[in-house]
């Protein structure tokens, strides 16, 4: 539950999964700062629509998230 460092890089072949992970990072960051996150989830309905259309994945069980620390 801590914000990601400013030096993070997110890569994906699946743009929907990338946007989902990025949104989740923003949600965690705002929660850590004690700010509201409702609008981030409410206004990202396009992500669930994209998954329904099989354009990409928003379900965490379908996203192979790998975190690699360099240096």
PDB file of N, CA and C in Angstrom:
ATOM      1  N   UNK A   1       0.812  -1.206   0.000  1.00  0.00           N
ATOM      2  CA  UNK A   1       0.000   0.000   0.000  1.00  0.00           C
ATOM      3  C   UNK A   1       0.846   1.258   0.000  1.00  0.00           C
ATOM      4  N   UNK A   2       1.970   1.190  -0.610  1.00  0.00           N
ATOM      5  CA  UNK A   2       2.771   2.408  -0.710  1.00  0.00           C
ATOM      6  C   UNK A   2       2.901   2.798  -2.179  1.00  0.00           C
ATOM      7  N   UNK A   3       3.031   4.075  -2.436  1.00  0.00           N
ATOM      8  CA  UNK A   3       3.127   4.526  -3.831  1.00  0.00           C
ATOM      9  C   UNK A   3       4.344   3.928  -4.533  1.00  0.00           C
ATOM     10  N   UNK A   4       4.208   3.736  -5.824  1.00  0.00           N
ATOM     11  CA  UNK A   4       5.333   3.260  -6.624  1.00  0.00           C
ATOM     12  C   UNK A   4       6.382   4.356  -6.706  1.00  0.00           C
ATOM     13  N   UNK A   5       7.650   3.993  -6.797  1.00  0.00           N
ATOM     14  CA  UNK A   5       8.684   5.017  -6.974  1.00  0.00           C
ATOM     15  C   UNK A   5       8.488   5.756  -8.306  1.00  0.00           C
ATOM     16  N   UNK A   6       8.989   6.961  -8.362  1.00  0.00           N
ATOM     17  CA  UNK A   6       8.850   7.777  -9.575  1.00  0.00           C
ATOM     18  C   UNK A   6       9.603   7.204 -10.760  1.00  0.00           C
ATOM     19  N   UNK A   7      10.463   6.240 -10.535  1.00  0.00           N
ATOM     20  CA  UNK A   7      11.273   5.709 -11.627  1.00  0.00           C
ATOM     21  C   UNK A   7      10.752   4.369 -12.146  1.00  0.00           C
ATOM     22  N   UNK A   8       9.444   4.193 -12.138  1.00  0.00           N
ATOM     23  CA  UNK A   8       8.842   2.952 -12.632  1.00  0.00           C
ATOM     24  C   UNK A   8       8.591   3.042 -14.130  1.00  0.00           C
ATOM     25  N   UNK A   9       8.667   1.886 -14.777  1.00  0.00           N
ATOM     26  CA  UNK A   9       8.396   1.778 -16.204  1.00  0.00           C
ATOM     27  C   UNK A   9       7.450   0.603 -16.389  1.00  0.00           C
ATOM     28  N   UNK A  10       6.367   0.826 -17.108  1.00  0.00           N
ATOM     29  CA  UNK A  10       5.371  -0.218 -17.320  1.00  0.00           C
ATOM     30  C   UNK A  10       5.353  -0.557 -18.806  1.00  0.00           C
ATOM     31  N   UNK A  11       5.507  -1.857 -19.120  1.00  0.00           N
ATOM     32  CA  UNK A  11       5.512  -2.316 -20.506  1.00  0.00           C
ATOM     33  C   UNK A  11       4.524  -3.458 -20.654  1.00  0.00           C
ATOM     34  N   UNK A  12       3.874  -3.532 -21.807  1.00  0.00           N
ATOM     35  CA  UNK A  12       2.936  -4.623 -22.055  1.00  0.00           C
ATOM     36  C   UNK A  12       2.620  -4.717 -23.532  1.00  0.00           C
ATOM     37  N   UNK A  13       2.348  -5.948 -23.967  1.00  0.00           N
ATOM     38  CA  UNK A  13       1.814  -6.156 -25.315  1.00  0.00           C
ATOM     39  C   UNK A  13       0.297  -5.976 -25.315  1.00  0.00           C
ATOM     40  N   UNK A  14      -0.288  -5.954 -24.118  1.00  0.00           N
ATOM     41  CA  UNK A  14      -1.734  -5.812 -23.959  1.00  0.00           C
ATOM     42  C   UNK A  14      -2.026  -4.413 -23.408  1.00  0.00           C
ATOM     43  N   UNK A  15      -2.514  -3.492 -24.245  1.00  0.00           N
ATOM     44  CA  UNK A  15      -2.754  -2.124 -23.788  1.00  0.00           C
ATOM     45  C   UNK A  15      -3.825  -2.022 -22.700  1.00  0.00           C
ATOM     46  N   UNK A  16      -4.790  -2.942 -22.700  1.00  0.00           N
ATOM     47  CA  UNK A  16      -5.844  -2.923 -21.679  1.00  0.00           C
ATOM     48  C   UNK A  16      -5.254  -3.325 -20.327  1.00  0.00           C
ATOM     49  N   UNK A  17      -4.431  -4.366 -20.322  1.00  0.00           N
ATOM     50  CA  UNK A  17      -3.772  -4.785 -19.083  1.00  0.00           C
ATOM     51  C   UNK A  17      -2.855  -3.674 -18.570  1.00  0.00           C
ATOM     52  N   UNK A  18      -2.136  -3.017 -19.471  1.00  0.00           N
ATOM     53  CA  UNK A  18      -1.250  -1.925 -19.072  1.00  0.00           C
ATOM     54  C   UNK A  18      -2.043  -0.801 -18.419  1.00  0.00           C
ATOM     55  N   UNK A  19      -3.137  -0.401 -19.030  1.00  0.00           N
ATOM     56  CA  UNK A  19      -3.967   0.665 -18.456  1.00  0.00           C
ATOM     57  C   UNK A  19      -4.569   0.243 -17.116  1.00  0.00           C
ATOM     58  N   UNK A  20      -4.925  -1.030 -16.996  1.00  0.00           N
ATOM     59  CA  UNK A  20      -5.484  -1.532 -15.741  1.00  0.00           C
ATOM     60  C   UNK A  20      -4.441  -1.473 -14.630  1.00  0.00           C
ATOM     61  N   UNK A  21      -3.233  -1.928 -14.912  1.00  0.00           N
ATOM     62  CA  UNK A  21      -2.153  -1.894 -13.917  1.00  0.00           C
ATOM     63  C   UNK A  21      -1.815  -0.447 -13.562  1.00  0.00           C
ATOM     64  N   UNK A  22      -1.747   0.428 -14.559  1.00  0.00           N
ATOM     65  CA  UNK A  22      -1.444   1.843 -14.296  1.00  0.00           C
ATOM     66  C   UNK A  22      -2.531   2.478 -13.431  1.00  0.00           C
ATOM     67  N   UNK A  23      -3.785   2.176 -13.720  1.00  0.00           N
ATOM     68  CA  UNK A  23      -4.881   2.696 -12.903  1.00  0.00           C
ATOM     69  C   UNK A  23      -4.768   2.201 -11.465  1.00  0.00           C
ATOM     70  N   UNK A  24      -4.450   0.931 -11.303  1.00  0.00           N
ATOM     71  CA  UNK A  24      -4.315   0.371  -9.958  1.00  0.00           C
ATOM     72  C   UNK A  24      -3.167   1.011  -9.189  1.00  0.00           C
ATOM     73  N   UNK A  25      -2.092   1.347  -9.880  1.00  0.00           N
ATOM     74  CA  UNK A  25      -0.976   2.060  -9.238  1.00  0.00           C
ATOM     75  C   UNK A  25      -1.448   3.431  -8.769  1.00  0.00           C
ATOM     76  N   UNK A  26      -2.189   4.134  -9.624  1.00  0.00           N
ATOM     77  CA  UNK A  26      -2.716   5.448  -9.235  1.00  0.00           C
ATOM     78  C   UNK A  26      -3.667   5.345  -8.052  1.00  0.00           C
ATOM     79  N   UNK A  27      -4.498   4.312  -8.047  1.00  0.00           N
ATOM     80  CA  UNK A  27      -5.427   4.111  -6.937  1.00  0.00           C
ATOM     81  C   UNK A  27      -4.646   3.910  -5.641  1.00  0.00           C
ATOM     82  N   UNK A  28      -3.642   3.013  -5.655  1.00  0.00           N
ATOM     83  CA  UNK A  28      -2.835   2.771  -4.447  1.00  0.00           C
ATOM     84  C   UNK A  28      -2.120   4.037  -3.993  1.00  0.00           C
ATOM     85  N   UNK A  29      -1.605   4.800  -4.938  1.00  0.00           N
ATOM     86  CA  UNK A  29      -0.899   6.041  -4.614  1.00  0.00           C
ATOM     87  C   UNK A  29      -1.834   7.035  -3.936  1.00  0.00           C
ATOM     88  N   UNK A  30      -3.009   7.237  -4.509  1.00  0.00           N
ATOM     89  CA  UNK A  30      -3.971   8.184  -3.921  1.00  0.00           C
ATOM     90  C   UNK A  30      -4.467   7.696  -2.570  1.00  0.00           C
ATOM     91  N   UNK A  31      -4.682   6.389  -2.419  1.00  0.00           N
ATOM     92  CA  UNK A  31      -5.103   5.853  -1.124  1.00  0.00           C
ATOM     93  C   UNK A  31      -4.028   6.087  -0.069  1.00  0.00           C
ATOM     94  N   UNK A  32      -2.767   5.906  -0.444  1.00  0.00           N
ATOM     95  CA  UNK A  32      -1.662   6.127   0.493  1.00  0.00           C
ATOM     96  C   UNK A  32      -1.591   7.590   0.933  1.00  0.00           C
ATOM     97  N   UNK A  33      -2.036   8.480   0.071  1.00  0.00           N
ATOM     98  CA  UNK A  33      -2.046   9.911   0.399  1.00  0.00           C
ATOM     99  C   UNK A  33      -3.345  10.330   1.081  1.00  0.00           C
ATOM    100  N   UNK A  34      -4.271   9.381   1.252  1.00  0.00           N
ATOM    101  CA  UNK A  34      -5.552   9.677   1.885  1.00  0.00           C
ATOM    102  C   UNK A  34      -6.524  10.403   0.980  1.00  0.00           C
ATOM    103  N   UNK A  35      -6.345  10.273  -0.330  1.00  0.00           N
ATOM    104  CA  UNK A  35      -7.221  10.950  -1.291  1.00  0.00           C
ATOM    105  C   UNK A  35      -8.256   9.994  -1.859  1.00  0.00           C
ATOM    106  N   UNK A  36      -9.295  10.560  -2.413  1.00  0.00           N
ATOM    107  CA  UNK A  36     -10.381   9.787  -3.000  1.00  0.00           C
ATOM    108  C   UNK A  36      -9.907   9.060  -4.259  1.00  0.00           C
ATOM    109  N   UNK A  37     -10.419   7.852  -4.447  1.00  0.00           N
ATOM    110  CA  UNK A  37     -10.081   7.066  -5.630  1.00  0.00           C
ATOM    111  C   UNK A  37     -11.320   6.651  -6.418  1.00  0.00           C
ATOM    112  N   UNK A  38     -12.497   7.004  -5.917  1.00  0.00           N
ATOM    113  CA  UNK A  38     -13.745   6.557  -6.545  1.00  0.00           C
ATOM    114  C   UNK A  38     -13.822   6.911  -8.024  1.00  0.00           C
ATOM    115  N   UNK A  39     -13.448   8.133  -8.376  1.00  0.00           N
ATOM    116  CA  UNK A  39     -13.592   8.571  -9.765  1.00  0.00           C
ATOM    117  C   UNK A  39     -12.669   7.790 -10.707  1.00  0.00           C
ATOM    118  N   UNK A  40     -11.510   7.339 -10.213  1.00  0.00           N
ATOM    119  CA  UNK A  40     -10.600   6.585 -11.076  1.00  0.00           C
ATOM    120  C   UNK A  40     -11.234   5.275 -11.536  1.00  0.00           C
ATOM    121  N   UNK A  41     -11.910   4.613 -10.635  1.00  0.00           N
ATOM    122  CA  UNK A  41     -12.553   3.350 -10.983  1.00  0.00           C
ATOM    123  C   UNK A  41     -13.838   3.606 -11.765  1.00  0.00           C
ATOM    124  N   UNK A  42     -14.619   4.593 -11.332  1.00  0.00           N
ATOM    125  CA  UNK A  42     -15.886   4.917 -12.003  1.00  0.00           C
ATOM    126  C   UNK A  42     -15.678   5.327 -13.459  1.00  0.00           C
ATOM    127  N   UNK A  43     -14.638   6.105 -13.707  1.00  0.00           N
ATOM    128  CA  UNK A  43     -14.432   6.634 -15.062  1.00  0.00           C
ATOM    129  C   UNK A  43     -13.561   5.735 -15.938  1.00  0.00           C
ATOM    130  N   UNK A  44     -13.297   4.528 -15.489  1.00  0.00           N
ATOM    131  CA  UNK A  44     -12.495   3.628 -16.318  1.00  0.00           C
ATOM    132  C   UNK A  44     -13.320   2.428 -16.793  1.00  0.00           C
ATOM    133  N   UNK A  45     -14.587   2.687 -17.074  1.00  0.00           N
ATOM    134  CA  UNK A  45     -15.465   1.621 -17.557  1.00  0.00           C
ATOM    135  C   UNK A  45     -15.032   1.114 -18.936  1.00  0.00           C
ATOM    136  N   UNK A  46     -14.266   1.920 -19.657  1.00  0.00           N
ATOM    137  CA  UNK A  46     -13.784   1.492 -20.972  1.00  0.00           C
ATOM    138  C   UNK A  46     -12.888   0.249 -20.855  1.00  0.00           C
ATOM    139  N   UNK A  47     -12.252   0.073 -19.695  1.00  0.00           N
ATOM    140  CA  UNK A  47     -11.388  -1.090 -19.519  1.00  0.00           C
ATOM    141  C   UNK A  47     -12.212  -2.384 -19.458  1.00  0.00           C
ATOM    142  N   UNK A  48     -13.297  -2.374 -18.706  1.00  0.00           N
ATOM    143  CA  UNK A  48     -14.134  -3.572 -18.647  1.00  0.00           C
ATOM    144  C   UNK A  48     -14.836  -3.815 -19.987  1.00  0.00           C
ATOM    145  N   UNK A  49     -15.187  -2.740 -20.685  1.00  0.00           N
ATOM    146  CA  UNK A  49     -15.777  -2.887 -22.020  1.00  0.00           C
ATOM    147  C   UNK A  49     -14.771  -3.538 -22.971  1.00  0.00           C
ATOM    148  N   UNK A  50     -13.519  -3.109 -22.891  1.00  0.00           N
ATOM    149  CA  UNK A  50     -12.477  -3.678 -23.753  1.00  0.00           C
ATOM    150  C   UNK A  50     -12.277  -5.159 -23.464  1.00  0.00           C
ATOM    151  N   UNK A  51     -12.347  -5.552 -22.196  1.00  0.00           N
ATOM    152  CA  UNK A  51     -12.212  -6.974 -21.876  1.00  0.00           C
ATOM    153  C   UNK A  51     -13.410  -7.753 -22.407  1.00  0.00           C
ATOM    154  N   UNK A  52     -14.605  -7.191 -22.276  1.00  0.00           N
ATOM    155  CA  UNK A  52     -15.804  -7.847 -22.801  1.00  0.00           C
ATOM    156  C   UNK A  52     -15.691  -8.066 -24.306  1.00  0.00           C
ATOM    157  N   UNK A  53     -15.089  -7.106 -25.002  1.00  0.00           N
ATOM    158  CA  UNK A  53     -14.889  -7.211 -26.452  1.00  0.00           C
ATOM    159  C   UNK A  53     -13.654  -8.041 -26.803  1.00  0.00           C
ATOM    160  N   UNK A  54     -12.991  -8.595 -25.779  1.00  0.00           N
ATOM    161  CA  UNK A  54     -11.795  -9.426 -25.936  1.00  0.00           C
ATOM    162  C   UNK A  54     -10.638  -8.684 -26.597  1.00  0.00           C
ATOM    163  N   UNK A  55     -10.535  -7.395 -26.283  1.00  0.00           N
ATOM    164  CA  UNK A  55      -9.425  -6.590 -26.781  1.00  0.00           C
ATOM    165  C   UNK A  55      -8.213  -6.742 -25.866  1.00  0.00           C
ATOM    166  N   UNK A  56      -8.457  -7.012 -24.596  1.00  0.00           N
ATOM    167  CA  UNK A  56      -7.384  -7.164 -23.624  1.00  0.00           C
ATOM    168  C   UNK A  56      -7.941  -7.611 -22.291  1.00  0.00           C
ATOM    169  N   UNK A  57      -7.076  -7.669 -21.291  1.00  0.00           N
ATOM    170  CA  UNK A  57      -7.452  -8.217 -19.981  1.00  0.00           C
ATOM    171  C   UNK A  57      -7.451  -7.158 -18.889  1.00  0.00           C
ATOM    172  N   UNK A  58      -8.494  -7.208 -18.052  1.00  0.00           N
ATOM    173  CA  UNK A  58      -8.513  -6.393 -16.830  1.00  0.00           C
ATOM    174  C   UNK A  58      -8.533  -7.276 -15.595  1.00  0.00           C
ATOM    175  N   UNK A  59      -8.850  -8.543 -15.772  1.00  0.00           N
ATOM    176  CA  UNK A  59      -8.903  -9.493 -14.668  1.00  0.00           C
ATOM    177  C   UNK A  59      -7.473  -9.792 -14.205  1.00  0.00           C
ATOM    178  N   UNK A  60      -7.153  -9.514 -12.924  1.00  0.00           N
ATOM    179  CA  UNK A  60      -5.784  -9.749 -12.431  1.00  0.00           C
ATOM    180  C   UNK A  60      -5.298 -11.184 -12.645  1.00  0.00           C
ATOM    181  N   UNK A  61      -6.210 -12.168 -12.657  1.00  0.00           N
ATOM    182  CA  UNK A  61      -5.786 -13.556 -12.864  1.00  0.00           C
ATOM    183  C   UNK A  61      -5.327 -13.805 -14.302  1.00  0.00           C
ATOM    184  N   UNK A  62      -5.666 -12.893 -15.206  1.00  0.00           N
ATOM    185  CA  UNK A  62      -5.262 -13.026 -16.603  1.00  0.00           C
ATOM    186  C   UNK A  62      -4.029 -12.191 -16.933  1.00  0.00           C
ATOM    187  N   UNK A  63      -3.575 -11.394 -15.987  1.00  0.00           N
ATOM    188  CA  UNK A  63      -2.436 -10.498 -16.207  1.00  0.00           C
ATOM    189  C   UNK A  63      -1.200 -11.094 -15.530  1.00  0.00           C
ATOM    190  N   UNK A  64      -0.171 -11.325 -16.316  1.00  0.00           N
ATOM    191  CA  UNK A  64       1.091 -11.855 -15.783  1.00  0.00           C
ATOM    192  C   UNK A  64       1.966 -10.658 -15.417  1.00  0.00           C
ATOM    193  N   UNK A  65       1.846 -10.220 -14.171  1.00  0.00           N
ATOM    194  CA  UNK A  65       2.561  -9.033 -13.694  1.00  0.00           C
ATOM    195  C   UNK A  65       3.908  -9.451 -13.129  1.00  0.00           C
ATOM    196  N   UNK A  66       4.956  -8.874 -13.677  1.00  0.00           N
ATOM    197  CA  UNK A  66       6.317  -9.160 -13.207  1.00  0.00           C
ATOM    198  C   UNK A  66       6.983  -7.856 -12.808  1.00  0.00           C
ATOM    199  N   UNK A  67       7.501  -7.838 -11.607  1.00  0.00           N
ATOM    200  CA  UNK A  67       8.198  -6.648 -11.125  1.00  0.00           C
ATOM    201  C   UNK A  67       9.679  -6.971 -11.054  1.00  0.00           C
ATOM    202  N   UNK A  68      10.481  -6.151 -11.713  1.00  0.00           N
ATOM    203  CA  UNK A  68      11.929  -6.356 -11.753  1.00  0.00           C
ATOM    204  C   UNK A  68      12.600  -5.087 -11.241  1.00  0.00           C
ATOM    205  N   UNK A  69      13.445  -5.241 -10.239  1.00  0.00           N
ATOM    206  CA  UNK A  69      14.191  -4.107  -9.695  1.00  0.00           C
ATOM    207  C   UNK A  69      15.588  -4.101 -10.314  1.00  0.00           C
ATOM    208  N   UNK A  70      15.955  -3.000 -10.895  1.00  0.00           N
ATOM    209  CA  UNK A  70      17.278  -2.846 -11.485  1.00  0.00           C
ATOM    210  C   UNK A  70      18.156  -1.981 -10.587  1.00  0.00           C
ATOM    211  N   UNK A  71      19.381  -2.314 -10.550  1.00  0.00           N
ATOM    212  CA  UNK A  71      20.336  -1.484  -9.808  1.00  0.00           C
ATOM    213  C   UNK A  71      20.359  -1.719  -8.394  1.00  0.00           C
TER     214      UNK A  71
END
